[in-house]
Amino acid sequence: MTRGRTPDTAEQLRRLRLLELLSGIEPWDDAERADIVDTAEWIADGSPLYRIRKPDVPAKHLVSYFVLVDARRGELLLVAHRKAGLWLPPGGHVEPAEHPWETVRRECREELRVDAVPSPLTGTRPFFVTVTTTRGIGQHVDVSFWYVLQADAETVTWYDEEEFSAIRWVTPRQLLSEPLDTLDPQLHRLTEKLLAALDAAATSSKEEPTATS
């Protein structure tokens, strides 16, 4: 490790676990494939991983997003983030030594007051990874793990109004028709990957043989 300090044993274990999470992500496109390689190198080289001071110290740090999907309605949840000025999934910065899935659990309670329920599609593993340079004051790089949760839209009745000005449920195809300059810049790609995975899961379910008496 050359770019950061030599980590202690506990930190080495955390980095190995993050690398293991990355290895389980099937890249959707060349951009995600490149982001996986970039993230793996960043984790392995000893660079600091967690934000310790808002908004940009260190200038590259871990984030967890979570996409709530109501399978019955065929919709996913977006929030209007006040600081970003964009529609995006809920989420937050990974705290020092925190596992990205624990970030999802914590932020889900803090931002929506509901429990994080893993989607059968992914379980507690990340579905997507991105490396994105933010816009505006305090520009920095977010290394984001995107998780998929299952939810009942009717149970999401509260949101953190300090963080978000509104929330809404949309179908994936509606989302893909919206201009990207109003959304997180990676959201179209995430939605395309999610649609493909949901379609594949539905096809697989239909092809499974039924039990016979």
C-alpha atoms as a PDB file:
ATOM      1  CA  MET A   1       0.000   0.000   0.000  1.00  0.00           C
ATOM      2  CA  THR A   2       1.598   3.233  -1.146  1.00  0.00           C
ATOM      3  CA  ARG A   3      -0.880   6.123  -1.136  1.00  0.00           C
ATOM      4  CA  GLY A   4      -2.192   5.913   2.443  1.00  0.00           C
ATOM      5  CA  ARG A   5      -0.863   4.895   5.802  1.00  0.00           C
ATOM      6  CA  THR A   6      -0.417   1.215   6.620  1.00  0.00           C
ATOM      7  CA  PRO A   7      -3.753   0.068   8.078  1.00  0.00           C
ATOM      8  CA  ASP A   8      -4.072  -1.877  11.325  1.00  0.00           C
ATOM      9  CA  THR A   9      -5.514  -5.383  11.426  1.00  0.00           C
ATOM     10  CA  ALA A  10      -9.130  -4.266  11.961  1.00  0.00           C
ATOM     11  CA  GLU A  11      -8.909  -1.819   9.092  1.00  0.00           C
ATOM     12  CA  GLN A  12      -7.318  -4.419   6.833  1.00  0.00           C
ATOM     13  CA  LEU A  13     -10.263  -6.706   7.567  1.00  0.00           C
ATOM     14  CA  ARG A  14     -12.738  -3.943   6.722  1.00  0.00           C
ATOM     15  CA  ARG A  15     -10.947  -3.309   3.434  1.00  0.00           C
ATOM     16  CA  LEU A  16     -10.977  -7.023   2.597  1.00  0.00           C
ATOM     17  CA  ARG A  17     -14.723  -7.120   3.251  1.00  0.00           C
ATOM     18  CA  LEU A  18     -15.267  -4.148   0.956  1.00  0.00           C
ATOM     19  CA  LEU A  19     -13.225  -5.836  -1.760  1.00  0.00           C
ATOM     20  CA  GLU A  20     -15.325  -8.975  -1.293  1.00  0.00           C
ATOM     21  CA  LEU A  21     -18.495  -6.895  -1.751  1.00  0.00           C
ATOM     22  CA  LEU A  22     -17.077  -5.465  -4.970  1.00  0.00           C
ATOM     23  CA  SER A  23     -16.200  -8.912  -6.298  1.00  0.00           C
ATOM     24  CA  GLY A  24     -19.860  -9.931  -6.039  1.00  0.00           C
ATOM     25  CA  ILE A  25     -21.126  -7.131  -8.290  1.00  0.00           C
ATOM     26  CA  GLU A  26     -21.740  -8.124 -11.900  1.00  0.00           C
ATOM     27  CA  PRO A  27     -20.905  -5.003 -13.944  1.00  0.00           C
ATOM     28  CA  TRP A  28     -23.718  -3.652 -16.079  1.00  0.00           C
ATOM     29  CA  ASP A  29     -21.553  -1.810 -18.621  1.00  0.00           C
ATOM     30  CA  ASP A  30     -18.014  -0.688 -19.331  1.00  0.00           C
ATOM     31  CA  ALA A  31     -18.468   2.327 -17.050  1.00  0.00           C
ATOM     32  CA  GLU A  32     -19.348   0.156 -14.076  1.00  0.00           C
ATOM     33  CA  ARG A  33     -16.555  -2.257 -14.914  1.00  0.00           C
ATOM     34  CA  ALA A  34     -14.093   0.662 -14.823  1.00  0.00           C
ATOM     35  CA  ASP A  35     -15.584   1.970 -11.570  1.00  0.00           C
ATOM     36  CA  ILE A  36     -15.198  -1.435  -9.935  1.00  0.00           C
ATOM     37  CA  VAL A  37     -11.517  -1.535 -10.907  1.00  0.00           C
ATOM     38  CA  ASP A  38     -10.977   2.053  -9.726  1.00  0.00           C
ATOM     39  CA  THR A  39     -12.732   1.378  -6.411  1.00  0.00           C
ATOM     40  CA  ALA A  40     -10.820  -1.843  -5.782  1.00  0.00           C
ATOM     41  CA  GLU A  41      -7.497  -0.084  -6.340  1.00  0.00           C
ATOM     42  CA  TRP A  42      -8.540   2.801  -4.078  1.00  0.00           C
ATOM     43  CA  ILE A  43      -9.598   0.456  -1.257  1.00  0.00           C
ATOM     44  CA  ALA A  44      -6.436  -1.634  -1.547  1.00  0.00           C
ATOM     45  CA  ASP A  45      -3.911   1.203  -1.676  1.00  0.00           C
ATOM     46  CA  GLY A  46      -4.540   2.436   1.866  1.00  0.00           C
ATOM     47  CA  SER A  47      -6.263   5.708   0.962  1.00  0.00           C
ATOM     48  CA  PRO A  48      -8.732   7.080   3.549  1.00  0.00           C
ATOM     49  CA  LEU A  49     -12.220   5.709   2.890  1.00  0.00           C
ATOM     50  CA  TYR A  50     -14.616   7.616   5.133  1.00  0.00           C
ATOM     51  CA  ARG A  51     -15.717  11.221   5.248  1.00  0.00           C
ATOM     52  CA  ILE A  52     -14.536  12.848   8.469  1.00  0.00           C
ATOM     53  CA  ARG A  53     -15.528  16.469   7.782  1.00  0.00           C
ATOM     54  CA  LYS A  54     -18.318  17.905   5.632  1.00  0.00           C
ATOM     55  CA  PRO A  55     -18.458  18.228   2.727  1.00  0.00           C
ATOM     56  CA  ASP A  56     -15.200  17.062   1.186  1.00  0.00           C
ATOM     57  CA  VAL A  57     -12.624  15.679   3.646  1.00  0.00           C
ATOM     58  CA  PRO A  58     -11.209  13.444   2.368  1.00  0.00           C
ATOM     59  CA  ALA A  59     -11.926  14.392  -1.226  1.00  0.00           C
ATOM     60  CA  LYS A  60     -12.961  10.821  -2.079  1.00  0.00           C
ATOM     61  CA  HIS A  61     -15.130   8.779   0.286  1.00  0.00           C
ATOM     62  CA  LEU A  62     -17.755   6.042   0.610  1.00  0.00           C
ATOM     63  CA  VAL A  63     -21.513   6.504   0.224  1.00  0.00           C
ATOM     64  CA  SER A  64     -24.442   4.059   0.401  1.00  0.00           C
ATOM     65  CA  TYR A  65     -27.619   4.557  -1.614  1.00  0.00           C
ATOM     66  CA  PHE A  66     -30.726   2.404  -1.218  1.00  0.00           C
ATOM     67  CA  VAL A  67     -33.442   1.958  -3.834  1.00  0.00           C
ATOM     68  CA  LEU A  68     -36.810   1.055  -2.328  1.00  0.00           C
ATOM     69  CA  VAL A  69     -38.894  -1.024  -4.745  1.00  0.00           C
ATOM     70  CA  ASP A  70     -42.606  -1.723  -4.326  1.00  0.00           C
ATOM     71  CA  ALA A  71     -42.917  -4.848  -6.476  1.00  0.00           C
ATOM     72  CA  ARG A  72     -46.714  -4.881  -6.304  1.00  0.00           C
ATOM     73  CA  ARG A  73     -46.977  -1.380  -7.746  1.00  0.00           C
ATOM     74  CA  GLY A  74     -43.885  -1.729  -9.908  1.00  0.00           C
ATOM     75  CA  GLU A  75     -42.473   1.534  -8.579  1.00  0.00           C
ATOM     76  CA  LEU A  76     -39.368   2.817  -6.832  1.00  0.00           C
ATOM     77  CA  LEU A  77     -38.870   5.701  -4.425  1.00  0.00           C
ATOM     78  CA  LEU A  78     -37.097   8.947  -5.229  1.00  0.00           C
ATOM     79  CA  VAL A  79     -36.384  11.862  -2.896  1.00  0.00           C
ATOM     80  CA  ALA A  80     -35.846  15.524  -3.776  1.00  0.00           C
ATOM     81  CA  HIS A  81     -32.520  16.222  -2.086  1.00  0.00           C
ATOM     82  CA  ARG A  82     -32.324  19.823  -0.919  1.00  0.00           C
ATOM     83  CA  LYS A  83     -28.530  20.291  -1.117  1.00  0.00           C
ATOM     84  CA  ALA A  84     -28.018  18.386  -4.365  1.00  0.00           C
ATOM     85  CA  GLY A  85     -31.071  19.916  -6.038  1.00  0.00           C
ATOM     86  CA  LEU A  86     -31.742  16.553  -7.682  1.00  0.00           C
ATOM     87  CA  TRP A  87     -34.099  13.598  -7.476  1.00  0.00           C
ATOM     88  CA  LEU A  88     -32.238  10.532  -6.261  1.00  0.00           C
ATOM     89  CA  PRO A  89     -32.624   7.502  -3.982  1.00  0.00           C
ATOM     90  CA  PRO A  90     -32.191   7.967  -0.225  1.00  0.00           C
ATOM     91  CA  GLY A  91     -28.786   7.266   1.272  1.00  0.00           C
ATOM     92  CA  GLY A  92     -25.868   8.752   3.114  1.00  0.00           C
ATOM     93  CA  HIS A  93     -22.175   8.771   3.844  1.00  0.00           C
ATOM     94  CA  VAL A  94     -20.616   5.678   5.361  1.00  0.00           C
ATOM     95  CA  GLU A  95     -19.371   6.507   8.839  1.00  0.00           C
ATOM     96  CA  PRO A  96     -15.787   5.571   9.837  1.00  0.00           C
ATOM     97  CA  ALA A  97     -15.485   1.778  10.292  1.00  0.00           C
ATOM     98  CA  GLU A  98     -19.167   1.311   9.343  1.00  0.00           C
ATOM     99  CA  HIS A  99     -20.159  -1.425   6.893  1.00  0.00           C
ATOM    100  CA  PRO A 100     -22.060   0.008   3.888  1.00  0.00           C
ATOM    101  CA  TRP A 101     -25.076  -2.223   4.648  1.00  0.00           C
ATOM    102  CA  GLU A 102     -25.175  -0.847   8.200  1.00  0.00           C
ATOM    103  CA  THR A 103     -25.235   2.622   6.655  1.00  0.00           C
ATOM    104  CA  VAL A 104     -28.332   1.590   4.694  1.00  0.00           C
ATOM    105  CA  ARG A 105     -30.047   0.329   7.849  1.00  0.00           C
ATOM    106  CA  ARG A 106     -29.188   3.480   9.789  1.00  0.00           C
ATOM    107  CA  GLU A 107     -30.115   5.935   7.067  1.00  0.00           C
ATOM    108  CA  CYS A 108     -33.359   4.146   6.244  1.00  0.00           C
ATOM    109  CA  ARG A 109     -34.514   4.655   9.833  1.00  0.00           C
ATOM    110  CA  GLU A 110     -33.220   8.234  10.025  1.00  0.00           C
ATOM    111  CA  GLU A 111     -34.533   9.452   6.675  1.00  0.00           C
ATOM    112  CA  LEU A 112     -37.775   7.472   6.255  1.00  0.00           C
ATOM    113  CA  ARG A 113     -38.501   5.885   9.671  1.00  0.00           C
ATOM    114  CA  VAL A 114     -38.849   2.423   8.158  1.00  0.00           C
ATOM    115  CA  ASP A 115     -36.702  -0.684   8.467  1.00  0.00           C
ATOM    116  CA  ALA A 116     -34.388  -1.687   5.637  1.00  0.00           C
ATOM    117  CA  VAL A 117     -35.746  -4.933   4.172  1.00  0.00           C
ATOM    118  CA  PRO A 118     -33.371  -6.526   1.635  1.00  0.00           C
ATOM    119  CA  SER A 119     -34.774  -7.291  -1.787  1.00  0.00           C
ATOM    120  CA  PRO A 120     -34.848 -11.000  -2.707  1.00  0.00           C
ATOM    121  CA  LEU A 121     -33.028  -9.889  -5.829  1.00  0.00           C
ATOM    122  CA  THR A 122     -29.852  -8.918  -3.975  1.00  0.00           C
ATOM    123  CA  GLY A 123     -30.113  -9.665  -0.273  1.00  0.00           C
ATOM    124  CA  THR A 124     -27.783  -7.462   1.772  1.00  0.00           C
ATOM    125  CA  ARG A 125     -25.201  -7.151  -0.992  1.00  0.00           C
ATOM    126  CA  PRO A 126     -24.741  -4.045  -3.151  1.00  0.00           C
ATOM    127  CA  PHE A 127     -26.268  -4.199  -6.613  1.00  0.00           C
ATOM    128  CA  PHE A 128     -24.377  -1.389  -8.328  1.00  0.00           C
ATOM    129  CA  VAL A 129     -21.254   0.718  -7.757  1.00  0.00           C
ATOM    130  CA  THR A 130     -20.406   4.155  -9.117  1.00  0.00           C
ATOM    131  CA  VAL A 131     -17.609   6.704  -8.821  1.00  0.00           C
ATOM    132  CA  THR A 132     -19.034  10.203  -9.289  1.00  0.00           C
ATOM    133  CA  THR A 133     -17.667  13.727  -8.992  1.00  0.00           C
ATOM    134  CA  THR A 134     -20.208  15.925  -7.243  1.00  0.00           C
ATOM    135  CA  ARG A 135     -21.254  19.361  -8.445  1.00  0.00           C
ATOM    136  CA  GLY A 136     -21.145  22.768  -6.790  1.00  0.00           C
ATOM    137  CA  ILE A 137     -19.365  23.990  -3.654  1.00  0.00           C
ATOM    138  CA  GLY A 138     -17.261  21.380  -1.884  1.00  0.00           C
ATOM    139  CA  GLN A 139     -16.824  19.285  -5.007  1.00  0.00           C
ATOM    140  CA  HIS A 140     -15.568  15.799  -4.218  1.00  0.00           C
ATOM    141  CA  VAL A 141     -15.804  12.174  -5.375  1.00  0.00           C
ATOM    142  CA  ASP A 142     -18.478   9.823  -4.046  1.00  0.00           C
ATOM    143  CA  VAL A 143     -17.738   6.110  -4.258  1.00  0.00           C
ATOM    144  CA  SER A 144     -21.267   4.774  -3.979  1.00  0.00           C
ATOM    145  CA  PHE A 145     -22.599   1.322  -3.204  1.00  0.00           C
ATOM    146  CA  TRP A 146     -26.229   1.051  -4.369  1.00  0.00           C
ATOM    147  CA  TYR A 147     -28.510  -1.396  -2.539  1.00  0.00           C
ATOM    148  CA  VAL A 148     -32.014  -2.626  -3.426  1.00  0.00           C
ATOM    149  CA  LEU A 149     -34.712  -2.887  -0.753  1.00  0.00           C
ATOM    150  CA  GLN A 150     -38.257  -4.194  -0.898  1.00  0.00           C
ATOM    151  CA  ALA A 151     -40.975  -1.917   0.413  1.00  0.00           C
ATOM    152  CA  ASP A 152     -44.694  -1.262   0.578  1.00  0.00           C
ATOM    153  CA  ALA A 153     -45.223   2.285  -0.653  1.00  0.00           C
ATOM    154  CA  GLU A 154     -48.158   2.763   1.704  1.00  0.00           C
ATOM    155  CA  THR A 155     -45.900   2.297   4.750  1.00  0.00           C
ATOM    156  CA  VAL A 156     -43.570   5.155   3.766  1.00  0.00           C
ATOM    157  CA  THR A 157     -45.513   7.996   5.344  1.00  0.00           C
ATOM    158  CA  TRP A 158     -42.708  10.217   6.710  1.00  0.00           C
ATOM    159  CA  TYR A 159     -39.443  11.644   5.438  1.00  0.00           C
ATOM    160  CA  ASP A 160     -36.738  13.906   6.826  1.00  0.00           C
ATOM    161  CA  GLU A 161     -37.803  17.369   5.661  1.00  0.00           C
ATOM    162  CA  GLU A 162     -34.406  18.825   6.542  1.00  0.00           C
ATOM    163  CA  GLU A 163     -32.815  16.546   3.930  1.00  0.00           C
ATOM    164  CA  PHE A 164     -35.631  16.267   1.361  1.00  0.00           C
ATOM    165  CA  SER A 165     -38.241  18.691   0.030  1.00  0.00           C
ATOM    166  CA  ALA A 166     -40.458  15.890  -1.341  1.00  0.00           C
ATOM    167  CA  ILE A 167     -40.637  12.175  -2.133  1.00  0.00           C
ATOM    168  CA  ARG A 168     -42.408  10.311  -4.929  1.00  0.00           C
ATOM    169  CA  TRP A 169     -42.854   6.841  -6.363  1.00  0.00           C
ATOM    170  CA  VAL A 170     -42.218   6.275 -10.078  1.00  0.00           C
ATOM    171  CA  THR A 171     -42.026   3.315 -12.412  1.00  0.00           C
ATOM    172  CA  PRO A 172     -38.587   2.555 -13.822  1.00  0.00           C
ATOM    173  CA  ARG A 173     -39.765   3.405 -17.329  1.00  0.00           C
ATOM    174  CA  GLN A 174     -41.164   6.752 -16.167  1.00  0.00           C
ATOM    175  CA  LEU A 175     -37.815   7.496 -14.543  1.00  0.00           C
ATOM    176  CA  LEU A 176     -35.919   6.678 -17.728  1.00  0.00           C
ATOM    177  CA  SER A 177     -38.072   9.191 -19.617  1.00  0.00           C
ATOM    178  CA  GLU A 178     -37.077  12.045 -17.288  1.00  0.00           C
ATOM    179  CA  PRO A 179     -34.164  14.354 -18.169  1.00  0.00           C
ATOM    180  CA  LEU A 180     -30.954  13.306 -16.486  1.00  0.00           C
ATOM    181  CA  ASP A 181     -30.132  16.865 -15.407  1.00  0.00           C
ATOM    182  CA  THR A 182     -32.939  16.613 -12.819  1.00  0.00           C
ATOM    183  CA  LEU A 183     -31.660  13.274 -11.464  1.00  0.00           C
ATOM    184  CA  ASP A 184     -28.548  11.763  -9.936  1.00  0.00           C
ATOM    185  CA  PRO A 185     -26.242  11.417 -12.969  1.00  0.00           C
ATOM    186  CA  GLN A 186     -25.977   7.638 -12.498  1.00  0.00           C
ATOM    187  CA  LEU A 187     -29.687   6.992 -11.970  1.00  0.00           C
ATOM    188  CA  HIS A 188     -30.591   6.080 -15.557  1.00  0.00           C
ATOM    189  CA  ARG A 189     -27.850   3.451 -15.619  1.00  0.00           C
ATOM    190  CA  LEU A 190     -28.931   2.035 -12.268  1.00  0.00           C
ATOM    191  CA  THR A 191     -32.535   1.871 -13.475  1.00  0.00           C
ATOM    192  CA  GLU A 192     -31.589   0.089 -16.699  1.00  0.00           C
ATOM    193  CA  LYS A 193     -29.623  -2.499 -14.726  1.00  0.00           C
ATOM    194  CA  LEU A 194     -32.458  -2.920 -12.233  1.00  0.00           C
ATOM    195  CA  LEU A 195     -35.065  -3.362 -14.969  1.00  0.00           C
ATOM    196  CA  ALA A 196     -32.954  -6.026 -16.646  1.00  0.00           C
ATOM    197  CA  ALA A 197     -32.455  -7.877 -13.349  1.00  0.00           C
ATOM    198  CA  LEU A 198     -36.160  -7.731 -12.470  1.00  0.00           C
ATOM    199  CA  ASP A 199     -37.124  -8.971 -15.945  1.00  0.00           C
ATOM    200  CA  ALA A 200     -34.612 -11.820 -15.692  1.00  0.00           C
ATOM    201  CA  ALA A 201     -35.938 -12.788 -12.255  1.00  0.00           C
ATOM    202  CA  ALA A 202     -39.525 -12.771 -13.518  1.00  0.00           C
ATOM    203  CA  THR A 203     -38.609 -14.920 -16.532  1.00  0.00           C
ATOM    204  CA  SER A 204     -36.724 -17.383 -14.329  1.00  0.00           C
ATOM    205  CA  SER A 205     -39.712 -17.646 -11.982  1.00  0.00           C
ATOM    206  CA  LYS A 206     -42.064 -18.448 -14.868  1.00  0.00           C
ATOM    207  CA  GLU A 207     -39.703 -21.121 -16.188  1.00  0.00           C
ATOM    208  CA  GLU A 208     -39.391 -22.958 -12.869  1.00  0.00           C
ATOM    209  CA  PRO A 209     -41.197 -26.340 -12.997  1.00  0.00           C
ATOM    210  CA  THR A 210     -44.307 -26.589 -10.849  1.00  0.00           C
ATOM    211  CA  ALA A 211     -44.656 -29.358  -8.294  1.00  0.00           C
ATOM    212  CA  THR A 212     -46.873 -32.256  -9.290  1.00  0.00           C
ATOM    213  CA  SER A 213     -48.795 -34.528  -6.988  1.00  0.00           C
END
